[in-house]
């Protein structure tokens, strides 16, 4: 089981924000933990389903990274 600490940043409108790097790290850690649990026989789900879901989490993390890179790489106007 993984243990993660994620900082929450208050926005001016009262919402709470989570840094994207922490979100992607959480998604990747969760995917890796699922695969590790499957490898050692602790996961009770279908192995192919767990593998597919882990892949989806990693793809989502990649997509978030790409979106953030695109956002921060925009030229200032």
PDB file of N, CA and C in Angstrom:
ATOM      1  N   UNK A   1       0.834  -1.164   0.000  1.00  0.00           N
ATOM      2  CA  UNK A   1       0.000   0.000   0.000  1.00  0.00           C
ATOM      3  C   UNK A   1       0.888   1.239   0.000  1.00  0.00           C
ATOM      4  N   UNK A   2       0.458   2.259  -0.762  1.00  0.00           N
ATOM      5  CA  UNK A   2       1.229   3.486  -0.839  1.00  0.00           C
ATOM      6  C   UNK A   2       0.703   4.513   0.148  1.00  0.00           C
ATOM      7  N   UNK A   3       1.585   5.367   0.587  1.00  0.00           N
ATOM      8  CA  UNK A   3       1.217   6.494   1.427  1.00  0.00           C
ATOM      9  C   UNK A   3       1.718   7.739   0.724  1.00  0.00           C
ATOM     10  N   UNK A   4       0.832   8.703   0.540  1.00  0.00           N
ATOM     11  CA  UNK A   4       1.192   9.905  -0.199  1.00  0.00           C
ATOM     12  C   UNK A   4       0.724  11.125   0.572  1.00  0.00           C
ATOM     13  N   UNK A   5       1.523  12.167   0.496  1.00  0.00           N
ATOM     14  CA  UNK A   5       1.139  13.443   1.079  1.00  0.00           C
ATOM     15  C   UNK A   5       1.042  14.446  -0.068  1.00  0.00           C
ATOM     16  N   UNK A   6      -0.117  15.085  -0.197  1.00  0.00           N
ATOM     17  CA  UNK A   6      -0.325  16.029  -1.291  1.00  0.00           C
ATOM     18  C   UNK A   6      -0.690  17.389  -0.699  1.00  0.00           C
ATOM     19  N   UNK A   7       0.076  18.415  -1.071  1.00  0.00           N
ATOM     20  CA  UNK A   7      -0.245  19.745  -0.559  1.00  0.00           C
ATOM     21  C   UNK A   7      -1.486  20.320  -1.237  1.00  0.00           C
ATOM     22  N   UNK A   8      -2.298  20.986  -0.475  1.00  0.00           N
ATOM     23  CA  UNK A   8      -3.465  21.684  -1.009  1.00  0.00           C
ATOM     24  C   UNK A   8      -3.180  23.180  -0.969  1.00  0.00           C
ATOM     25  N   UNK A   9      -3.479  23.835  -2.073  1.00  0.00           N
ATOM     26  CA  UNK A   9      -3.217  25.263  -2.188  1.00  0.00           C
ATOM     27  C   UNK A   9      -4.557  25.991  -2.290  1.00  0.00           C
ATOM     28  N   UNK A  10      -4.834  26.885  -1.348  1.00  0.00           N
ATOM     29  CA  UNK A  10      -6.109  27.612  -1.422  1.00  0.00           C
ATOM     30  C   UNK A  10      -6.088  28.637  -2.548  1.00  0.00           C
ATOM     31  N   UNK A  11      -7.135  28.652  -3.351  1.00  0.00           N
ATOM     32  CA  UNK A  11      -7.284  29.642  -4.423  1.00  0.00           C
ATOM     33  C   UNK A  11      -8.049  30.840  -3.877  1.00  0.00           C
ATOM     34  N   UNK A  12      -7.928  31.986  -4.539  1.00  0.00           N
ATOM     35  CA  UNK A  12      -8.632  33.184  -4.056  1.00  0.00           C
ATOM     36  C   UNK A  12     -10.150  33.006  -3.944  1.00  0.00           C
ATOM     37  N   UNK A  13     -10.724  32.124  -4.771  1.00  0.00           N
ATOM     38  CA  UNK A  13     -12.180  31.932  -4.729  1.00  0.00           C
ATOM     39  C   UNK A  13     -12.613  30.900  -3.689  1.00  0.00           C
ATOM     40  N   UNK A  14     -11.659  30.377  -2.913  1.00  0.00           N
ATOM     41  CA  UNK A  14     -11.986  29.422  -1.866  1.00  0.00           C
ATOM     42  C   UNK A  14     -11.801  27.963  -2.269  1.00  0.00           C
ATOM     43  N   UNK A  15     -11.619  27.709  -3.568  1.00  0.00           N
ATOM     44  CA  UNK A  15     -11.350  26.340  -4.008  1.00  0.00           C
ATOM     45  C   UNK A  15      -9.977  25.900  -3.535  1.00  0.00           C
ATOM     46  N   UNK A  16      -9.776  24.590  -3.485  1.00  0.00           N
ATOM     47  CA  UNK A  16      -8.467  24.050  -3.151  1.00  0.00           C
ATOM     48  C   UNK A  16      -7.847  23.462  -4.408  1.00  0.00           C
ATOM     49  N   UNK A  17      -6.585  23.739  -4.632  1.00  0.00           N
ATOM     50  CA  UNK A  17      -5.866  23.265  -5.799  1.00  0.00           C
ATOM     51  C   UNK A  17      -4.786  22.278  -5.385  1.00  0.00           C
ATOM     52  N   UNK A  18      -4.493  21.339  -6.275  1.00  0.00           N
ATOM     53  CA  UNK A  18      -3.424  20.365  -6.053  1.00  0.00           C
ATOM     54  C   UNK A  18      -2.419  20.549  -7.177  1.00  0.00           C
ATOM     55  N   UNK A  19      -1.128  20.685  -6.879  1.00  0.00           N
ATOM     56  CA  UNK A  19      -0.134  20.827  -7.938  1.00  0.00           C
ATOM     57  C   UNK A  19      -0.169  19.639  -8.904  1.00  0.00           C
ATOM     58  N   UNK A  20      -0.124  19.929 -10.200  1.00  0.00           N
ATOM     59  CA  UNK A  20      -0.232  18.893 -11.232  1.00  0.00           C
ATOM     60  C   UNK A  20       0.843  17.816 -11.080  1.00  0.00           C
ATOM     61  N   UNK A  21       2.035  18.215 -10.710  1.00  0.00           N
ATOM     62  CA  UNK A  21       3.112  17.233 -10.523  1.00  0.00           C
ATOM     63  C   UNK A  21       2.775  16.207  -9.449  1.00  0.00           C
ATOM     64  N   UNK A  22       2.074  16.632  -8.437  1.00  0.00           N
ATOM     65  CA  UNK A  22       1.659  15.709  -7.375  1.00  0.00           C
ATOM     66  C   UNK A  22       0.542  14.783  -7.862  1.00  0.00           C
ATOM     67  N   UNK A  23      -0.346  15.327  -8.684  1.00  0.00           N
ATOM     68  CA  UNK A  23      -1.432  14.500  -9.226  1.00  0.00           C
ATOM     69  C   UNK A  23      -0.857  13.406 -10.120  1.00  0.00           C
ATOM     70  N   UNK A  24       0.053  13.779 -11.021  1.00  0.00           N
ATOM     71  CA  UNK A  24       0.628  12.778 -11.929  1.00  0.00           C
ATOM     72  C   UNK A  24       1.465  11.752 -11.159  1.00  0.00           C
ATOM     73  N   UNK A  25       2.180  12.208 -10.148  1.00  0.00           N
ATOM     74  CA  UNK A  25       2.957  11.267  -9.335  1.00  0.00           C
ATOM     75  C   UNK A  25       2.029  10.290  -8.610  1.00  0.00           C
ATOM     76  N   UNK A  26       0.900  10.790  -8.115  1.00  0.00           N
ATOM     77  CA  UNK A  26      -0.073   9.934  -7.447  1.00  0.00           C
ATOM     78  C   UNK A  26      -0.642   8.894  -8.418  1.00  0.00           C
ATOM     79  N   UNK A  27      -1.018   9.331  -9.615  1.00  0.00           N
ATOM     80  CA  UNK A  27      -1.557   8.401 -10.609  1.00  0.00           C
ATOM     81  C   UNK A  27      -0.547   7.311 -10.957  1.00  0.00           C
ATOM     82  N   UNK A  28       0.713   7.712 -11.168  1.00  0.00           N
ATOM     83  CA  UNK A  28       1.751   6.738 -11.518  1.00  0.00           C
ATOM     84  C   UNK A  28       2.057   5.797 -10.353  1.00  0.00           C
ATOM     85  N   UNK A  29       2.054   6.328  -9.136  1.00  0.00           N
ATOM     86  CA  UNK A  29       2.303   5.484  -7.959  1.00  0.00           C
ATOM     87  C   UNK A  29       1.185   4.473  -7.768  1.00  0.00           C
ATOM     88  N   UNK A  30      -0.046   4.906  -7.970  1.00  0.00           N
ATOM     89  CA  UNK A  30      -1.185   4.017  -7.847  1.00  0.00           C
ATOM     90  C   UNK A  30      -1.112   2.899  -8.890  1.00  0.00           C
ATOM     91  N   UNK A  31      -0.802   3.260 -10.127  1.00  0.00           N
ATOM     92  CA  UNK A  31      -0.678   2.256 -11.193  1.00  0.00           C
ATOM     93  C   UNK A  31       0.426   1.256 -10.869  1.00  0.00           C
ATOM     94  N   UNK A  32       1.568   1.749 -10.415  1.00  0.00           N
ATOM     95  CA  UNK A  32       2.686   0.862 -10.074  1.00  0.00           C
ATOM     96  C   UNK A  32       2.332  -0.039  -8.896  1.00  0.00           C
ATOM     97  N   UNK A  33       1.618   0.511  -7.917  1.00  0.00           N
ATOM     98  CA  UNK A  33       1.209  -0.279  -6.753  1.00  0.00           C
ATOM     99  C   UNK A  33       0.259  -1.400  -7.162  1.00  0.00           C
ATOM    100  N   UNK A  34      -0.670  -1.105  -8.067  1.00  0.00           N
ATOM    101  CA  UNK A  34      -1.591  -2.135  -8.556  1.00  0.00           C
ATOM    102  C   UNK A  34      -0.821  -3.250  -9.257  1.00  0.00           C
ATOM    103  N   UNK A  35       0.131  -2.869 -10.114  1.00  0.00           N
ATOM    104  CA  UNK A  35       0.903  -3.885 -10.836  1.00  0.00           C
ATOM    105  C   UNK A  35       1.747  -4.720  -9.883  1.00  0.00           C
ATOM    106  N   UNK A  36       2.347  -4.063  -8.896  1.00  0.00           N
ATOM    107  CA  UNK A  36       3.155  -4.772  -7.906  1.00  0.00           C
ATOM    108  C   UNK A  36       2.286  -5.752  -7.116  1.00  0.00           C
ATOM    109  N   UNK A  37       1.087  -5.314  -6.743  1.00  0.00           N
ATOM    110  CA  UNK A  37       0.165  -6.193  -6.007  1.00  0.00           C
ATOM    111  C   UNK A  37      -0.234  -7.398  -6.849  1.00  0.00           C
ATOM    112  N   UNK A  38      -0.411  -7.182  -8.137  1.00  0.00           N
ATOM    113  CA  UNK A  38      -0.743  -8.288  -9.040  1.00  0.00           C
ATOM    114  C   UNK A  38       0.424  -9.257  -9.139  1.00  0.00           C
ATOM    115  N   UNK A  39       1.634  -8.707  -9.257  1.00  0.00           N
ATOM    116  CA  UNK A  39       2.835  -9.548  -9.392  1.00  0.00           C
ATOM    117  C   UNK A  39       3.054 -10.449  -8.186  1.00  0.00           C
ATOM    118  N   UNK A  40       2.712  -9.977  -6.995  1.00  0.00           N
ATOM    119  CA  UNK A  40       2.953 -10.788  -5.794  1.00  0.00           C
ATOM    120  C   UNK A  40       1.694 -11.521  -5.332  1.00  0.00           C
ATOM    121  N   UNK A  41       0.621 -11.424  -6.128  1.00  0.00           N
ATOM    122  CA  UNK A  41      -0.576 -12.199  -5.830  1.00  0.00           C
ATOM    123  C   UNK A  41      -1.526 -11.597  -4.819  1.00  0.00           C
ATOM    124  N   UNK A  42      -1.367 -10.326  -4.487  1.00  0.00           N
ATOM    125  CA  UNK A  42      -2.246  -9.687  -3.509  1.00  0.00           C
ATOM    126  C   UNK A  42      -3.507  -9.101  -4.140  1.00  0.00           C
ATOM    127  N   UNK A  43      -3.476  -8.843  -5.431  1.00  0.00           N
ATOM    128  CA  UNK A  43      -4.621  -8.236  -6.107  1.00  0.00           C
ATOM    129  C   UNK A  43      -5.655  -9.307  -6.408  1.00  0.00           C
ATOM    130  N   UNK A  44      -6.884  -9.052  -6.055  1.00  0.00           N
ATOM    131  CA  UNK A  44      -7.942 -10.041  -6.256  1.00  0.00           C
ATOM    132  C   UNK A  44      -8.637  -9.898  -7.603  1.00  0.00           C
ATOM    133  N   UNK A  45      -8.318  -8.835  -8.332  1.00  0.00           N
ATOM    134  CA  UNK A  45      -8.957  -8.620  -9.625  1.00  0.00           C
ATOM    135  C   UNK A  45      -8.280  -9.401 -10.737  1.00  0.00           C
ATOM    136  N   UNK A  46      -8.918  -9.391 -11.882  1.00  0.00           N
ATOM    137  CA  UNK A  46      -8.376 -10.010 -13.074  1.00  0.00           C
ATOM    138  C   UNK A  46      -7.078  -9.301 -13.459  1.00  0.00           C
ATOM    139  N   UNK A  47      -6.036 -10.072 -13.702  1.00  0.00           N
ATOM    140  CA  UNK A  47      -4.717  -9.500 -13.977  1.00  0.00           C
ATOM    141  C   UNK A  47      -4.728  -8.592 -15.205  1.00  0.00           C
ATOM    142  N   UNK A  48      -5.418  -8.988 -16.265  1.00  0.00           N
ATOM    143  CA  UNK A  48      -5.467  -8.166 -17.476  1.00  0.00           C
ATOM    144  C   UNK A  48      -6.198  -6.850 -17.218  1.00  0.00           C
ATOM    145  N   UNK A  49      -7.255  -6.903 -16.425  1.00  0.00           N
ATOM    146  CA  UNK A  49      -7.999  -5.683 -16.089  1.00  0.00           C
ATOM    147  C   UNK A  49      -7.126  -4.730 -15.292  1.00  0.00           C
ATOM    148  N   UNK A  50      -6.390  -5.262 -14.331  1.00  0.00           N
ATOM    149  CA  UNK A  50      -5.498  -4.437 -13.516  1.00  0.00           C
ATOM    150  C   UNK A  50      -4.419  -3.819 -14.402  1.00  0.00           C
ATOM    151  N   UNK A  51      -3.865  -4.596 -15.311  1.00  0.00           N
ATOM    152  CA  UNK A  51      -2.843  -4.089 -16.230  1.00  0.00           C
ATOM    153  C   UNK A  51      -3.418  -2.977 -17.108  1.00  0.00           C
ATOM    154  N   UNK A  52      -4.613  -3.195 -17.633  1.00  0.00           N
ATOM    155  CA  UNK A  52      -5.257  -2.187 -18.478  1.00  0.00           C
ATOM    156  C   UNK A  52      -5.551  -0.907 -17.707  1.00  0.00           C
ATOM    157  N   UNK A  53      -6.061  -1.047 -16.488  1.00  0.00           N
ATOM    158  CA  UNK A  53      -6.348   0.135 -15.678  1.00  0.00           C
ATOM    159  C   UNK A  53      -5.073   0.883 -15.305  1.00  0.00           C
ATOM    160  N   UNK A  54      -4.016   0.162 -15.032  1.00  0.00           N
ATOM    161  CA  UNK A  54      -2.723   0.796 -14.731  1.00  0.00           C
ATOM    162  C   UNK A  54      -2.223   1.577 -15.934  1.00  0.00           C
ATOM    163  N   UNK A  55      -2.386   1.008 -17.124  1.00  0.00           N
ATOM    164  CA  UNK A  55      -1.978   1.688 -18.355  1.00  0.00           C
ATOM    165  C   UNK A  55      -2.785   2.972 -18.530  1.00  0.00           C
ATOM    166  N   UNK A  56      -4.087   2.919 -18.255  1.00  0.00           N
ATOM    167  CA  UNK A  56      -4.939   4.097 -18.387  1.00  0.00           C
ATOM    168  C   UNK A  56      -4.496   5.196 -17.416  1.00  0.00           C
ATOM    169  N   UNK A  57      -4.166   4.828 -16.185  1.00  0.00           N
ATOM    170  CA  UNK A  57      -3.696   5.820 -15.216  1.00  0.00           C
ATOM    171  C   UNK A  57      -2.399   6.475 -15.685  1.00  0.00           C
ATOM    172  N   UNK A  58      -1.481   5.675 -16.224  1.00  0.00           N
ATOM    173  CA  UNK A  58      -0.227   6.230 -16.738  1.00  0.00           C
ATOM    174  C   UNK A  58      -0.470   7.135 -17.943  1.00  0.00           C
ATOM    175  N   UNK A  59      -1.398   6.752 -18.810  1.00  0.00           N
ATOM    176  CA  UNK A  59      -1.721   7.591 -19.961  1.00  0.00           C
ATOM    177  C   UNK A  59      -2.353   8.910 -19.515  1.00  0.00           C
ATOM    178  N   UNK A  60      -3.198   8.856 -18.506  1.00  0.00           N
ATOM    179  CA  UNK A  60      -3.800  10.078 -17.967  1.00  0.00           C
ATOM    180  C   UNK A  60      -2.721  10.990 -17.381  1.00  0.00           C
ATOM    181  N   UNK A  61      -1.789  10.416 -16.650  1.00  0.00           N
ATOM    182  CA  UNK A  61      -0.686  11.196 -16.091  1.00  0.00           C
ATOM    183  C   UNK A  61       0.140  11.832 -17.216  1.00  0.00           C
ATOM    184  N   UNK A  62       0.399  11.077 -18.278  1.00  0.00           N
ATOM    185  CA  UNK A  62       1.130  11.625 -19.425  1.00  0.00           C
ATOM    186  C   UNK A  62       0.367  12.789 -20.055  1.00  0.00           C
ATOM    187  N   UNK A  63      -0.940  12.619 -20.196  1.00  0.00           N
ATOM    188  CA  UNK A  63      -1.772  13.663 -20.799  1.00  0.00           C
ATOM    189  C   UNK A  63      -1.737  14.937 -19.954  1.00  0.00           C
ATOM    190  N   UNK A  64      -1.823  14.788 -18.645  1.00  0.00           N
ATOM    191  CA  UNK A  64      -1.752  15.950 -17.751  1.00  0.00           C
ATOM    192  C   UNK A  64      -0.399  16.632 -17.896  1.00  0.00           C
ATOM    193  N   UNK A  65       0.681  15.839 -17.940  1.00  0.00           N
ATOM    194  CA  UNK A  65       2.023  16.414 -18.124  1.00  0.00           C
ATOM    195  C   UNK A  65       2.114  17.208 -19.424  1.00  0.00           C
ATOM    196  N   UNK A  66       1.606  16.639 -20.506  1.00  0.00           N
ATOM    197  CA  UNK A  66       1.659  17.308 -21.811  1.00  0.00           C
ATOM    198  C   UNK A  66       0.859  18.611 -21.772  1.00  0.00           C
ATOM    199  N   UNK A  67      -0.327  18.564 -21.194  1.00  0.00           N
ATOM    200  CA  UNK A  67      -1.154  19.773 -21.096  1.00  0.00           C
ATOM    201  C   UNK A  67      -0.445  20.855 -20.272  1.00  0.00           C
ATOM    202  N   UNK A  68       0.189  20.460 -19.188  1.00  0.00           N
ATOM    203  CA  UNK A  68       0.900  21.431 -18.343  1.00  0.00           C
ATOM    204  C   UNK A  68       2.105  22.012 -19.068  1.00  0.00           C
ATOM    205  N   UNK A  69       2.826  21.166 -19.791  1.00  0.00           N
ATOM    206  CA  UNK A  69       3.978  21.660 -20.568  1.00  0.00           C
ATOM    207  C   UNK A  69       3.495  22.652 -21.618  1.00  0.00           C
ATOM    208  N   UNK A  70       2.409  22.301 -22.305  1.00  0.00           N
ATOM    209  CA  UNK A  70       1.851  23.210 -23.301  1.00  0.00           C
ATOM    210  C   UNK A  70       1.410  24.542 -22.699  1.00  0.00           C
ATOM    211  N   UNK A  71       0.804  24.469 -21.532  1.00  0.00           N
ATOM    212  CA  UNK A  71       0.326  25.674 -20.868  1.00  0.00           C
ATOM    213  C   UNK A  71       1.479  26.575 -20.446  1.00  0.00           C
ATOM    214  N   UNK A  72       2.510  25.977 -19.861  1.00  0.00           N
ATOM    215  CA  UNK A  72       3.639  26.777 -19.360  1.00  0.00           C
ATOM    216  C   UNK A  72       4.590  27.188 -20.472  1.00  0.00           C
ATOM    217  N   UNK A  73       4.482  26.584 -21.654  1.00  0.00           N
ATOM    218  CA  UNK A  73       5.364  26.927 -22.772  1.00  0.00           C
ATOM    219  C   UNK A  73       4.781  27.996 -23.684  1.00  0.00           C
ATOM    220  N   UNK A  74       3.558  28.429 -23.404  1.00  0.00           N
ATOM    221  CA  UNK A  74       2.946  29.470 -24.238  1.00  0.00           C
ATOM    222  C   UNK A  74       3.735  30.771 -24.130  1.00  0.00           C
ATOM    223  N   UNK A  75       3.914  31.442 -25.254  1.00  0.00           N
ATOM    224  CA  UNK A  75       4.611  32.728 -25.203  1.00  0.00           C
ATOM    225  C   UNK A  75       3.790  33.771 -24.434  1.00  0.00           C
ATOM    226  N   UNK A  76       4.457  34.578 -23.681  1.00  0.00           N
ATOM    227  CA  UNK A  76       3.789  35.652 -22.943  1.00  0.00           C
ATOM    228  C   UNK A  76       3.365  36.745 -23.909  1.00  0.00           C
ATOM    229  N   UNK A  77       2.180  37.279 -23.713  1.00  0.00           N
ATOM    230  CA  UNK A  77       1.684  38.335 -24.608  1.00  0.00           C
ATOM    231  C   UNK A  77       1.741  39.664 -23.945  1.00  0.00           C
TER     232      UNK A  77
END
